């Protein structure tokens, strides 16, 4: 299927990082990351309260990519269900 258009790699020197746009469902029954034709959907159990869901999103995405949680950070969308994440590869 290939990499969705919402994921891009920006390489500088020998390092690589990517940006990943996700749609989040806080307060979900199960935590998951799902790739659809149009979006990357992230479901987290944490409620959308005081940044709890944002922290959970970073952890779930890092786990799904096999990365340390410190390698994923929030760029945009702290109060929105649509978020842009930076992923250090």
Protein backbone atom coordinates (compact mmCIF):
# COMPACT_ATOMS: atom_id res chain seq x y z
CA UNK A 1 0.00 0.00 0.00
CA UNK A 2 2.93 2.39 0.50
CA UNK A 3 3.42 5.26 2.90
CA UNK A 4 0.37 7.53 3.27
CA UNK A 5 0.68 11.05 1.93
CA UNK A 6 0.40 12.36 5.49
CA UNK A 7 3.79 10.92 6.45
CA UNK A 8 6.95 12.56 5.21
CA UNK A 9 10.62 12.12 5.95
CA UNK A 10 12.81 15.18 6.14
CA UNK A 11 16.49 14.22 6.09
CA UNK A 12 19.21 16.54 7.26
CA UNK A 13 22.81 15.36 7.32
CA UNK A 14 22.88 11.85 8.78
CA UNK A 15 19.78 12.24 10.94
CA UNK A 16 16.22 11.59 9.90
CA UNK A 17 12.92 12.68 11.31
CA UNK A 18 9.38 12.43 10.13
CA UNK A 19 6.09 14.14 10.64
CA UNK A 20 2.97 12.12 11.18
CA UNK A 21 -0.56 13.55 11.10
CA UNK A 22 -2.98 11.57 13.28
CA UNK A 23 -6.64 11.66 14.26
CA UNK A 24 -7.17 10.84 17.93
CA UNK A 25 -10.04 9.25 19.83
CA UNK A 26 -9.56 9.84 23.57
CA UNK A 27 -11.42 7.76 26.15
CA UNK A 28 -11.52 4.70 23.89
CA UNK A 29 -12.11 1.18 25.18
CA UNK A 30 -8.84 -0.07 23.64
CA UNK A 31 -5.60 1.57 22.59
CA UNK A 32 -4.69 1.13 18.93
CA UNK A 33 -3.10 2.67 15.84
CA UNK A 34 -4.94 2.06 12.57
CA UNK A 35 -3.89 3.07 9.08
CA UNK A 36 -6.74 3.91 6.71
CA UNK A 37 -6.76 5.25 3.15
CA UNK A 38 -7.04 8.83 4.42
CA UNK A 39 -5.64 8.93 7.95
CA UNK A 40 -3.73 7.39 10.79
CA UNK A 41 -6.23 6.81 13.60
CA UNK A 42 -5.00 6.60 17.18
CA UNK A 43 -7.28 5.43 19.99
CA UNK A 44 -6.21 5.95 23.61
CA UNK A 45 -7.87 5.12 26.92
CA UNK A 46 -6.82 8.38 28.58
CA UNK A 47 -9.42 11.15 28.73
CA UNK A 48 -8.93 14.47 26.97
CA UNK A 49 -8.17 16.20 30.25
CA UNK A 50 -5.03 18.11 31.29
CA UNK A 51 -2.92 16.63 28.49
CA UNK A 52 -3.42 13.01 29.54
CA UNK A 53 -4.60 11.94 26.08
CA UNK A 54 -1.68 13.74 24.39
CA UNK A 55 0.84 11.85 26.52
CA UNK A 56 -0.96 8.59 25.80
CA UNK A 57 -0.93 9.30 22.04
CA UNK A 58 2.83 9.82 22.09
CA UNK A 59 3.34 6.56 24.01
CA UNK A 60 1.00 4.50 21.79
CA UNK A 61 2.52 5.81 18.55
CA UNK A 62 6.06 5.23 19.84
CA UNK A 63 5.16 1.66 20.83
CA UNK A 64 3.55 1.01 17.42
CA UNK A 65 6.69 2.24 15.65
CA UNK A 66 9.03 0.36 17.97
CA UNK A 67 10.63 3.58 19.27
CA UNK A 68 11.35 5.04 22.68
CA UNK A 69 8.61 7.48 23.76
CA UNK A 70 11.19 10.27 23.85
CA UNK A 71 11.55 9.96 20.05
CA UNK A 72 7.96 11.13 19.44
CA UNK A 73 6.76 14.64 20.28
CA UNK A 74 3.72 16.80 19.65
CA UNK A 75 4.19 19.63 17.14
CA UNK A 76 0.60 20.84 16.72
CA UNK A 77 -2.87 20.07 17.98
CA UNK A 78 -2.57 20.05 21.77
CA UNK A 79 -6.29 20.80 22.13
CA UNK A 80 -7.49 19.21 18.88
CA UNK A 81 -8.28 15.64 17.84
CA UNK A 82 -6.11 16.22 14.77
CA UNK A 83 -2.45 16.31 15.74
CA UNK A 84 0.90 16.60 14.02
CA UNK A 85 3.69 14.55 15.57
CA UNK A 86 7.44 14.67 15.05
CA UNK A 87 9.06 11.24 14.92
CA UNK A 88 12.85 10.96 15.30
CA UNK A 89 13.92 7.90 13.33
